[in-house]
Amino acid sequence: LRGFSSIAVAEWATMMVLNLARKIPIIIKDSWKQDF
């Protein structure tokens, strides 16, 4: 079944890009503290 989830997967990848660009994994590991 080709293409049924293409948009879903692309948007998930976009979400990962945005999270990494703003260092969300590191911020989460730092308990959401602010470090400018």
Full PDB file with SEQRES, HELIX, SHEET, SSBOND, CRYST1, ORIGX, SCALE, CONECT and MASTER records, all heavy atoms in Angstrom:
SEQRES   1 A   36  LEU ARG GLY PHE SER SER ILE ALA VAL ALA GLU TRP ALA          
SEQRES   2 A   36  THR MET MET VAL LEU ASN LEU ALA ARG LYS ILE PRO ILE          
SEQRES   3 A   36  ILE ILE LYS ASP SER TRP LYS GLN ASP PHE                      
HELIX    1 AA1 SER A    6  ALA A   21  1                                  16    
HELIX    2 AA2 ILE A   24  LYS A   29  1                                   6    
CRYST1    1.000    1.000    1.000  90.00  90.00  90.00 P 1           1          
ORIGX1      1.000000  0.000000  0.000000        0.00000                         
ORIGX2      0.000000  1.000000  0.000000        0.00000                         
ORIGX3      0.000000  0.000000  1.000000        0.00000                         
SCALE1      1.000000  0.000000  0.000000        0.00000                         
SCALE2      0.000000  1.000000  0.000000        0.00000                         
SCALE3      0.000000  0.000000  1.000000        0.00000                         
ATOM      1  N   LEU A   1       0.871  -1.188   0.000  1.00  0.00           N  
ATOM      2  CA  LEU A   1       0.000   0.000   0.000  1.00  0.00           C  
ATOM      3  C   LEU A   1       0.899   1.226   0.000  1.00  0.00           C  
ATOM      4  O   LEU A   1       1.265   1.753   1.043  1.00  0.00           O  
ATOM      5  CB  LEU A   1      -0.918  -0.011   1.228  1.00  0.00           C  
ATOM      6  CG  LEU A   1      -1.739  -1.285   1.446  1.00  0.00           C  
ATOM      7  CD1 LEU A   1      -2.635  -1.140   2.669  1.00  0.00           C  
ATOM      8  CD2 LEU A   1      -2.574  -1.615   0.215  1.00  0.00           C  
ATOM      9  N   ARG A   2       1.257   1.654  -1.186  1.00  0.00           N  
ATOM     10  CA  ARG A   2       2.251   2.717  -1.315  1.00  0.00           C  
ATOM     11  C   ARG A   2       1.663   4.086  -1.015  1.00  0.00           C  
ATOM     12  O   ARG A   2       0.632   4.463  -1.565  1.00  0.00           O  
ATOM     13  CB  ARG A   2       2.828   2.712  -2.728  1.00  0.00           C  
ATOM     14  CG  ARG A   2       3.526   1.413  -3.092  1.00  0.00           C  
ATOM     15  CD  ARG A   2       3.928   1.382  -4.543  1.00  0.00           C  
ATOM     16  NE  ARG A   2       4.418   0.058  -4.919  1.00  0.00           N  
ATOM     17  CZ  ARG A   2       4.659  -0.325  -6.175  1.00  0.00           C  
ATOM     18  NH1 ARG A   2       4.448   0.523  -7.157  1.00  0.00           N  
ATOM     19  NH2 ARG A   2       5.108  -1.542  -6.426  1.00  0.00           N  
ATOM     20  N   GLY A   3       2.352   4.826  -0.158  1.00  0.00           N  
ATOM     21  CA  GLY A   3       2.025   6.225   0.038  1.00  0.00           C  
ATOM     22  C   GLY A   3       0.975   6.554   1.074  1.00  0.00           C  
ATOM     23  O   GLY A   3       0.672   7.729   1.285  1.00  0.00           O  
ATOM     24  N   PHE A   4       0.422   5.556   1.769  1.00  0.00           N  
ATOM     25  CA  PHE A   4      -0.661   5.871   2.713  1.00  0.00           C  
ATOM     26  C   PHE A   4      -0.168   6.712   3.884  1.00  0.00           C  
ATOM     27  O   PHE A   4      -0.937   7.449   4.494  1.00  0.00           O  
ATOM     28  CB  PHE A   4      -1.332   4.586   3.226  1.00  0.00           C  
ATOM     29  CG  PHE A   4      -0.603   3.871   4.322  1.00  0.00           C  
ATOM     30  CD1 PHE A   4      -0.906   4.122   5.652  1.00  0.00           C  
ATOM     31  CD2 PHE A   4       0.397   2.955   4.028  1.00  0.00           C  
ATOM     32  CE1 PHE A   4      -0.239   3.467   6.674  1.00  0.00           C  
ATOM     33  CE2 PHE A   4       1.068   2.296   5.035  1.00  0.00           C  
ATOM     34  CZ  PHE A   4       0.751   2.544   6.362  1.00  0.00           C  
ATOM     35  N   SER A   5       1.123   6.606   4.219  1.00  0.00           N  
ATOM     36  CA  SER A   5       1.626   7.337   5.386  1.00  0.00           C  
ATOM     37  C   SER A   5       2.737   8.323   5.035  1.00  0.00           C  
ATOM     38  O   SER A   5       3.456   8.787   5.919  1.00  0.00           O  
ATOM     39  CB  SER A   5       2.140   6.349   6.439  1.00  0.00           C  
ATOM     40  OG  SER A   5       3.231   5.594   5.929  1.00  0.00           O  
ATOM     41  N   SER A   6       2.888   8.658   3.755  1.00  0.00           N  
ATOM     42  CA  SER A   6       3.995   9.531   3.337  1.00  0.00           C  
ATOM     43  C   SER A   6       3.972  10.879   4.050  1.00  0.00           C  
ATOM     44  O   SER A   6       5.007  11.355   4.537  1.00  0.00           O  
ATOM     45  CB  SER A   6       3.945   9.751   1.816  1.00  0.00           C  
ATOM     46  OG  SER A   6       4.095   8.542   1.126  1.00  0.00           O  
ATOM     47  N   ILE A   7       2.809  11.502   4.112  1.00  0.00           N  
ATOM     48  CA  ILE A   7       2.703  12.812   4.760  1.00  0.00           C  
ATOM     49  C   ILE A   7       2.955  12.695   6.255  1.00  0.00           C  
ATOM     50  O   ILE A   7       3.659  13.529   6.852  1.00  0.00           O  
ATOM     51  CB  ILE A   7       1.318  13.439   4.501  1.00  0.00           C  
ATOM     52  CG1 ILE A   7       1.086  13.610   3.004  1.00  0.00           C  
ATOM     53  CG2 ILE A   7       1.193  14.779   5.223  1.00  0.00           C  
ATOM     54  CD1 ILE A   7       2.118  14.451   2.295  1.00  0.00           C  
ATOM     55  N   ALA A   8       2.410  11.658   6.879  1.00  0.00           N  
ATOM     56  CA  ALA A   8       2.607  11.458   8.316  1.00  0.00           C  
ATOM     57  C   ALA A   8       4.084  11.310   8.645  1.00  0.00           C  
ATOM     58  O   ALA A   8       4.603  11.928   9.586  1.00  0.00           O  
ATOM     59  CB  ALA A   8       1.830  10.228   8.780  1.00  0.00           C  
ATOM     60  N   VAL A   9       4.786  10.491   7.866  1.00  0.00           N  
ATOM     61  CA  VAL A   9       6.210  10.258   8.118  1.00  0.00           C  
ATOM     62  C   VAL A   9       7.018  11.532   7.878  1.00  0.00           C  
ATOM     63  O   VAL A   9       7.916  11.872   8.657  1.00  0.00           O  
ATOM     64  CB  VAL A   9       6.728   9.108   7.228  1.00  0.00           C  
ATOM     65  CG1 VAL A   9       8.241   8.969   7.356  1.00  0.00           C  
ATOM     66  CG2 VAL A   9       6.051   7.795   7.609  1.00  0.00           C  
ATOM     67  N   ALA A  10       6.684  12.255   6.816  1.00  0.00           N  
ATOM     68  CA  ALA A  10       7.396  13.498   6.517  1.00  0.00           C  
ATOM     69  C   ALA A  10       7.213  14.525   7.625  1.00  0.00           C  
ATOM     70  O   ALA A  10       8.151  15.237   8.004  1.00  0.00           O  
ATOM     71  CB  ALA A  10       6.922  14.064   5.176  1.00  0.00           C  
ATOM     72  N   GLU A  11       6.014  14.614   8.167  1.00  0.00           N  
ATOM     73  CA  GLU A  11       5.757  15.575   9.249  1.00  0.00           C  
ATOM     74  C   GLU A  11       6.464  15.157  10.534  1.00  0.00           C  
ATOM     75  O   GLU A  11       6.924  16.004  11.305  1.00  0.00           O  
ATOM     76  CB  GLU A  11       4.250  15.728   9.459  1.00  0.00           C  
ATOM     77  CG  GLU A  11       3.573  16.437   8.283  1.00  0.00           C  
ATOM     78  CD  GLU A  11       2.091  16.687   8.504  1.00  0.00           C  
ATOM     79  OE1 GLU A  11       1.544  16.234   9.538  1.00  0.00           O  
ATOM     80  OE2 GLU A  11       1.473  17.335   7.640  1.00  0.00           O  
ATOM     81  N   TRP A  12       6.567  13.838  10.768  1.00  0.00           N  
ATOM     82  CA  TRP A  12       7.300  13.354  11.942  1.00  0.00           C  
ATOM     83  C   TRP A  12       8.785  13.721  11.822  1.00  0.00           C  
ATOM     84  O   TRP A  12       9.406  14.159  12.790  1.00  0.00           O  
ATOM     85  CB  TRP A  12       7.110  11.847  12.064  1.00  0.00           C  
ATOM     86  CG  TRP A  12       7.696  11.202  13.283  1.00  0.00           C  
ATOM     87  CD1 TRP A  12       8.929  10.636  13.394  1.00  0.00           C  
ATOM     88  CD2 TRP A  12       7.072  11.017  14.566  1.00  0.00           C  
ATOM     89  NE1 TRP A  12       9.109  10.113  14.649  1.00  0.00           N  
ATOM     90  CE2 TRP A  12       7.977  10.335  15.386  1.00  0.00           C  
ATOM     91  CE3 TRP A  12       5.820  11.369  15.065  1.00  0.00           C  
ATOM     92  CZ2 TRP A  12       7.684   9.991  16.701  1.00  0.00           C  
ATOM     93  CZ3 TRP A  12       5.532  11.032  16.382  1.00  0.00           C  
ATOM     94  CH2 TRP A  12       6.460  10.351  17.187  1.00  0.00           C  
ATOM     95  N   ALA A  13       9.335  13.537  10.632  1.00  0.00           N  
ATOM     96  CA  ALA A  13      10.729  13.901  10.397  1.00  0.00           C  
ATOM     97  C   ALA A  13      10.935  15.396  10.607  1.00  0.00           C  
ATOM     98  O   ALA A  13      11.934  15.834  11.190  1.00  0.00           O  
ATOM     99  CB  ALA A  13      11.148  13.500   8.980  1.00  0.00           C  
ATOM    100  N   THR A  14       9.975  16.190  10.148  1.00  0.00           N  
ATOM    101  CA  THR A  14      10.048  17.640  10.330  1.00  0.00           C  
ATOM    102  C   THR A  14      10.022  17.996  11.811  1.00  0.00           C  
ATOM    103  O   THR A  14      10.761  18.881  12.275  1.00  0.00           O  
ATOM    104  CB  THR A  14       8.878  18.319   9.603  1.00  0.00           C  
ATOM    105  OG1 THR A  14       8.897  17.946   8.224  1.00  0.00           O  
ATOM    106  CG2 THR A  14       8.957  19.835   9.721  1.00  0.00           C  
ATOM    107  N   MET A  15       9.176  17.307  12.565  1.00  0.00           N  
ATOM    108  CA  MET A  15       9.117  17.516  14.016  1.00  0.00           C  
ATOM    109  C   MET A  15      10.458  17.220  14.674  1.00  0.00           C  
ATOM    110  O   MET A  15      10.929  17.971  15.527  1.00  0.00           O  
ATOM    111  CB  MET A  15       8.009  16.648  14.611  1.00  0.00           C  
ATOM    112  CG  MET A  15       7.866  16.710  16.120  1.00  0.00           C  
ATOM    113  SD  MET A  15       8.870  15.476  16.985  1.00  0.00           S  
ATOM    114  CE  MET A  15       8.074  13.957  16.458  1.00  0.00           C  
ATOM    115  N   MET A  16      11.112  16.127  14.254  1.00  0.00           N  
ATOM    116  CA  MET A  16      12.419  15.793  14.819  1.00  0.00           C  
ATOM    117  C   MET A  16      13.452  16.872  14.499  1.00  0.00           C  
ATOM    118  O   MET A  16      14.262  17.242  15.352  1.00  0.00           O  
ATOM    119  CB  MET A  16      12.884  14.435  14.299  1.00  0.00           C  
ATOM    120  CG  MET A  16      12.211  13.251  14.957  1.00  0.00           C  
ATOM    121  SD  MET A  16      13.130  11.693  14.695  1.00  0.00           S  
ATOM    122  CE  MET A  16      12.632  11.296  13.012  1.00  0.00           C  
ATOM    123  N   VAL A  17      13.415  17.371  13.268  1.00  0.00           N  
ATOM    124  CA  VAL A  17      14.339  18.436  12.878  1.00  0.00           C  
ATOM    125  C   VAL A  17      14.166  19.657  13.771  1.00  0.00           C  
ATOM    126  O   VAL A  17      15.137  20.231  14.296  1.00  0.00           O  
ATOM    127  CB  VAL A  17      14.138  18.825  11.396  1.00  0.00           C  
ATOM    128  CG1 VAL A  17      14.908  20.104  11.066  1.00  0.00           C  
ATOM    129  CG2 VAL A  17      14.588  17.695  10.480  1.00  0.00           C  
ATOM    130  N   LEU A  18      12.922  20.075  13.972  1.00  0.00           N  
ATOM    131  CA  LEU A  18      12.644  21.250  14.801  1.00  0.00           C  
ATOM    132  C   LEU A  18      13.082  21.033  16.244  1.00  0.00           C  
ATOM    133  O   LEU A  18      13.654  21.930  16.881  1.00  0.00           O  
ATOM    134  CB  LEU A  18      11.155  21.587  14.735  1.00  0.00           C  
ATOM    135  CG  LEU A  18      10.660  22.137  13.392  1.00  0.00           C  
ATOM    136  CD1 LEU A  18       9.146  22.106  13.326  1.00  0.00           C  
ATOM    137  CD2 LEU A  18      11.179  23.547  13.174  1.00  0.00           C  
ATOM    138  N   ASN A  19      12.821  19.840  16.773  1.00  0.00           N  
ATOM    139  CA  ASN A  19      13.221  19.543  18.152  1.00  0.00           C  
ATOM    140  C   ASN A  19      14.731  19.568  18.324  1.00  0.00           C  
ATOM    141  O   ASN A  19      15.251  20.082  19.324  1.00  0.00           O  
ATOM    142  CB  ASN A  19      12.671  18.177  18.567  1.00  0.00           C  
ATOM    143  CG  ASN A  19      11.271  18.255  19.137  1.00  0.00           C  
ATOM    144  OD1 ASN A  19      11.073  18.467  20.320  1.00  0.00           O  
ATOM    145  ND2 ASN A  19      10.281  18.094  18.274  1.00  0.00           N  
ATOM    146  N   LEU A  20      15.450  19.011  17.358  1.00  0.00           N  
ATOM    147  CA  LEU A  20      16.905  18.981  17.453  1.00  0.00           C  
ATOM    148  C   LEU A  20      17.504  20.364  17.236  1.00  0.00           C  
ATOM    149  O   LEU A  20      18.478  20.741  17.897  1.00  0.00           O  
ATOM    150  CB  LEU A  20      17.474  17.989  16.444  1.00  0.00           C  
ATOM    151  CG  LEU A  20      17.267  16.520  16.812  1.00  0.00           C  
ATOM    152  CD1 LEU A  20      17.468  15.625  15.602  1.00  0.00           C  
ATOM    153  CD2 LEU A  20      18.211  16.112  17.939  1.00  0.00           C  
ATOM    154  N   ALA A  21      16.925  21.138  16.313  1.00  0.00           N  
ATOM    155  CA  ALA A  21      17.431  22.481  16.060  1.00  0.00           C  
ATOM    156  C   ALA A  21      17.347  23.353  17.307  1.00  0.00           C  
ATOM    157  O   ALA A  21      18.198  24.222  17.528  1.00  0.00           O  
ATOM    158  CB  ALA A  21      16.672  23.125  14.907  1.00  0.00           C  
ATOM    159  N   ARG A  22      16.322  23.105  18.146  1.00  0.00           N  
ATOM    160  CA  ARG A  22      16.170  23.892  19.368  1.00  0.00           C  
ATOM    161  C   ARG A  22      16.645  23.136  20.628  1.00  0.00           C  
ATOM    162  O   ARG A  22      16.337  23.516  21.746  1.00  0.00           O  
ATOM    163  CB  ARG A  22      14.707  24.329  19.521  1.00  0.00           C  
ATOM    164  CG  ARG A  22      14.204  25.186  18.373  1.00  0.00           C  
ATOM    165  CD  ARG A  22      15.125  26.378  18.062  1.00  0.00           C  
ATOM    166  NE  ARG A  22      15.167  27.320  19.151  1.00  0.00           N  
ATOM    167  CZ  ARG A  22      14.377  28.412  19.227  1.00  0.00           C  
ATOM    168  NH1 ARG A  22      13.509  28.659  18.260  1.00  0.00           N  
ATOM    169  NH2 ARG A  22      14.471  29.226  20.241  1.00  0.00           N  
ATOM    170  N   LYS A  23      17.403  22.067  20.419  1.00  0.00           N  
ATOM    171  CA  LYS A  23      18.046  21.309  21.503  1.00  0.00           C  
ATOM    172  C   LYS A  23      17.052  20.789  22.549  1.00  0.00           C  
ATOM    173  O   LYS A  23      17.357  20.735  23.745  1.00  0.00           O  
ATOM    174  CB  LYS A  23      19.123  22.152  22.193  1.00  0.00           C  
ATOM    175  CG  LYS A  23      20.361  22.382  21.349  1.00  0.00           C  
ATOM    176  CD  LYS A  23      21.471  23.019  22.178  1.00  0.00           C  
ATOM    177  CE  LYS A  23      22.780  23.072  21.404  1.00  0.00           C  
ATOM    178  NZ  LYS A  23      23.866  23.687  22.193  1.00  0.00           N  
ATOM    179  N   ILE A  24      15.876  20.405  22.108  1.00  0.00           N  
ATOM    180  CA  ILE A  24      14.875  19.904  23.047  1.00  0.00           C  
ATOM    181  C   ILE A  24      15.347  18.682  23.835  1.00  0.00           C  
ATOM    182  O   ILE A  24      15.081  18.591  25.045  1.00  0.00           O  
ATOM    183  CB  ILE A  24      13.551  19.618  22.312  1.00  0.00           C  
ATOM    184  CG1 ILE A  24      12.971  20.907  21.717  1.00  0.00           C  
ATOM    185  CG2 ILE A  24      12.532  18.973  23.251  1.00  0.00           C  
ATOM    186  CD1 ILE A  24      12.716  22.011  22.732  1.00  0.00           C  
ATOM    187  N   PRO A  25      16.072  17.726  23.235  1.00  0.00           N  
ATOM    188  CA  PRO A  25      16.553  16.601  24.047  1.00  0.00           C  
ATOM    189  C   PRO A  25      17.436  17.038  25.220  1.00  0.00           C  
ATOM    190  O   PRO A  25      17.306  16.511  26.325  1.00  0.00           O  
ATOM    191  CB  PRO A  25      17.351  15.756  23.040  1.00  0.00           C  
ATOM    192  CG  PRO A  25      16.721  16.054  21.723  1.00  0.00           C  
ATOM    193  CD  PRO A  25      16.370  17.519  21.795  1.00  0.00           C  
ATOM    194  N   ILE A  26      18.307  18.004  24.978  1.00  0.00           N  
ATOM    195  CA  ILE A  26      19.176  18.491  26.049  1.00  0.00           C  
ATOM    196  C   ILE A  26      18.372  19.269  27.089  1.00  0.00           C  
ATOM    197  O   ILE A  26      18.587  19.126  28.303  1.00  0.00           O  
ATOM    198  CB  ILE A  26      20.297  19.367  25.456  1.00  0.00           C  
ATOM    199  CG1 ILE A  26      21.258  18.491  24.641  1.00  0.00           C  
ATOM    200  CG2 ILE A  26      21.067  20.093  26.563  1.00  0.00           C  
ATOM    201  CD1 ILE A  26      22.358  19.256  23.945  1.00  0.00           C  
ATOM    202  N   ILE A  27      17.422  20.072  26.640  1.00  0.00           N  
ATOM    203  CA  ILE A  27      16.584  20.836  27.573  1.00  0.00           C  
ATOM    204  C   ILE A  27      15.769  19.892  28.457  1.00  0.00           C  
ATOM    205  O   ILE A  27      15.630  20.112  29.659  1.00  0.00           O  
ATOM    206  CB  ILE A  27      15.659  21.797  26.792  1.00  0.00           C  
ATOM    207  CG1 ILE A  27      16.497  22.863  26.082  1.00  0.00           C  
ATOM    208  CG2 ILE A  27      14.641  22.458  27.724  1.00  0.00           C  
ATOM    209  CD1 ILE A  27      15.709  23.734  25.127  1.00  0.00           C  
ATOM    210  N   ILE A  28      15.244  18.812  27.862  1.00  0.00           N  
ATOM    211  CA  ILE A  28      14.499  17.825  28.651  1.00  0.00           C  
ATOM    212  C   ILE A  28      15.399  17.192  29.698  1.00  0.00           C  
ATOM    213  O   ILE A  28      15.019  17.054  30.874  1.00  0.00           O  
ATOM    214  CB  ILE A  28      13.900  16.742  27.727  1.00  0.00           C  
ATOM    215  CG1 ILE A  28      12.768  17.339  26.889  1.00  0.00           C  
ATOM    216  CG2 ILE A  28      13.381  15.553  28.538  1.00  0.00           C  
ATOM    217  CD1 ILE A  28      12.226  16.396  25.838  1.00  0.00           C  
ATOM    218  N   LYS A  29      16.621  16.804  29.302  1.00  0.00           N  
ATOM    219  CA  LYS A  29      17.552  16.181  30.250  1.00  0.00           C  
ATOM    220  C   LYS A  29      17.986  17.156  31.344  1.00  0.00           C  
ATOM    221  O   LYS A  29      18.385  16.732  32.425  1.00  0.00           O  
ATOM    222  CB  LYS A  29      18.772  15.630  29.504  1.00  0.00           C  
ATOM    223  CG  LYS A  29      18.466  14.342  28.729  1.00  0.00           C  
ATOM    224  CD  LYS A  29      19.685  13.763  28.038  1.00  0.00           C  
ATOM    225  CE  LYS A  29      20.032  14.495  26.772  1.00  0.00           C  
ATOM    226  NZ  LYS A  29      21.086  13.785  25.989  1.00  0.00           N  
ATOM    227  N   ASP A  30      17.885  18.443  31.055  1.00  0.00           N  
ATOM    228  CA  ASP A  30      18.195  19.472  32.054  1.00  0.00           C  
ATOM    229  C   ASP A  30      16.951  19.902  32.833  1.00  0.00           C  
ATOM    230  O   ASP A  30      16.933  20.968  33.450  1.00  0.00           O  
ATOM    231  CB  ASP A  30      18.822  20.698  31.382  1.00  0.00           C  
ATOM    232  CG  ASP A  30      20.247  20.438  30.915  1.00  0.00           C  
ATOM    233  OD1 ASP A  30      20.839  19.427  31.345  1.00  0.00           O  
ATOM    234  OD2 ASP A  30      20.757  21.245  30.109  1.00  0.00           O  
ATOM    235  N   SER A  31      15.916  19.062  32.790  1.00  0.00           N  
ATOM    236  CA  SER A  31      14.665  19.306  33.536  1.00  0.00           C  
ATOM    237  C   SER A  31      14.009  20.630  33.157  1.00  0.00           C  
ATOM    238  O   SER A  31      13.431  21.305  34.001  1.00  0.00           O  
ATOM    239  CB  SER A  31      14.927  19.248  35.051  1.00  0.00           C  
ATOM    240  OG  SER A  31      15.438  17.983  35.408  1.00  0.00           O  
ATOM    241  N   TRP A  32      14.116  21.004  31.894  1.00  0.00           N  
ATOM    242  CA  TRP A  32      13.473  22.196  31.348  1.00  0.00           C  
ATOM    243  C   TRP A  32      13.974  23.500  31.967  1.00  0.00           C  
ATOM    244  O   TRP A  32      13.314  24.531  31.900  1.00  0.00           O  
ATOM    245  CB  TRP A  32      11.951  22.107  31.468  1.00  0.00           C  
ATOM    246  CG  TRP A  32      11.362  20.984  30.681  1.00  0.00           C  
ATOM    247  CD1 TRP A  32      11.068  19.732  31.135  1.00  0.00           C  
ATOM    248  CD2 TRP A  32      11.026  20.978  29.294  1.00  0.00           C  
ATOM    249  NE1 TRP A  32      10.564  18.947  30.133  1.00  0.00           N  
ATOM    250  CE2 TRP A  32      10.518  19.688  28.980  1.00  0.00           C  
ATOM    251  CE3 TRP A  32      11.085  21.928  28.275  1.00  0.00           C  
ATOM    252  CZ2 TRP A  32      10.092  19.338  27.699  1.00  0.00           C  
ATOM    253  CZ3 TRP A  32      10.652  21.582  27.003  1.00  0.00           C  
ATOM    254  CH2 TRP A  32      10.166  20.297  26.734  1.00  0.00           C  
ATOM    255  N   LYS A  33      15.159  23.444  32.544  1.00  0.00           N  
ATOM    256  CA  LYS A  33      15.739  24.678  33.083  1.00  0.00           C  
ATOM    257  C   LYS A  33      16.249  25.539  31.933  1.00  0.00           C  
ATOM    258  O   LYS A  33      16.605  25.048  30.877  1.00  0.00           O  
ATOM    259  CB  LYS A  33      16.883  24.345  34.039  1.00  0.00           C  
ATOM    260  CG  LYS A  33      16.447  23.582  35.284  1.00  0.00           C  
ATOM    261  CD  LYS A  33      17.634  23.220  36.141  1.00  0.00           C  
ATOM    262  CE  LYS A  33      17.203  22.409  37.360  1.00  0.00           C  
ATOM    263  NZ  LYS A  33      18.356  21.975  38.192  1.00  0.00           N  
ATOM    264  N   GLN A  34      16.315  26.843  32.174  1.00  0.00           N  
ATOM    265  CA  GLN A  34      16.785  27.762  31.143  1.00  0.00           C  
ATOM    266  C   GLN A  34      18.284  27.990  31.289  1.00  0.00           C  
ATOM    267  O   GLN A  34      18.771  28.318  32.364  1.00  0.00           O  
ATOM    268  CB  GLN A  34      16.062  29.105  31.251  1.00  0.00           C  
ATOM    269  CG  GLN A  34      14.590  29.044  30.881  1.00  0.00           C  
ATOM    270  CD  GLN A  34      13.929  30.407  30.956  1.00  0.00           C  
ATOM    271  OE1 GLN A  34      14.469  31.332  31.539  1.00  0.00           O  
ATOM    272  NE2 GLN A  34      12.752  30.541  30.357  1.00  0.00           N  
ATOM    273  N   ASP A  35      18.991  27.799  30.194  1.00  0.00           N  
ATOM    274  CA  ASP A  35      20.411  28.094  30.148  1.00  0.00           C  
ATOM    275  C   ASP A  35      20.662  28.765  28.805  1.00  0.00           C  
ATOM    276  O   ASP A  35      20.694  28.115  27.773  1.00  0.00           O  
ATOM    277  CB  ASP A  35      21.243  26.813  30.271  1.00  0.00           C  
ATOM    278  CG  ASP A  35      22.734  27.091  30.377  1.00  0.00           C  
ATOM    279  OD1 ASP A  35      23.207  28.032  29.707  1.00  0.00           O  
ATOM    280  OD2 ASP A  35      23.433  26.353  31.113  1.00  0.00           O  
ATOM    281  N   PHE A  36      20.831  30.076  28.820  1.00  0.00           N  
ATOM    282  CA  PHE A  36      20.884  30.831  27.579  1.00  0.00           C  
ATOM    283  C   PHE A  36      22.180  30.626  26.800  1.00  0.00           C  
ATOM    284  O   PHE A  36      22.330  31.137  25.688  1.00  0.00           O  
ATOM    285  CB  PHE A  36      20.665  32.322  27.859  1.00  0.00           C  
ATOM    286  CG  PHE A  36      19.309  32.610  28.428  1.00  0.00           C  
ATOM    287  CD1 PHE A  36      19.176  33.198  29.685  1.00  0.00           C  
ATOM    288  CD2 PHE A  36      18.162  32.277  27.726  1.00  0.00           C  
ATOM    289  CE1 PHE A  36      17.924  33.460  30.215  1.00  0.00           C  
ATOM    290  CE2 PHE A  36      16.900  32.531  28.254  1.00  0.00           C  
ATOM    291  CZ  PHE A  36      16.784  33.122  29.501  1.00  0.00           C  
TER     292      PHE A  36                                                      
MASTER        0    0    0    2    0    0    0    6  291    1    0    3          
END                                                                             
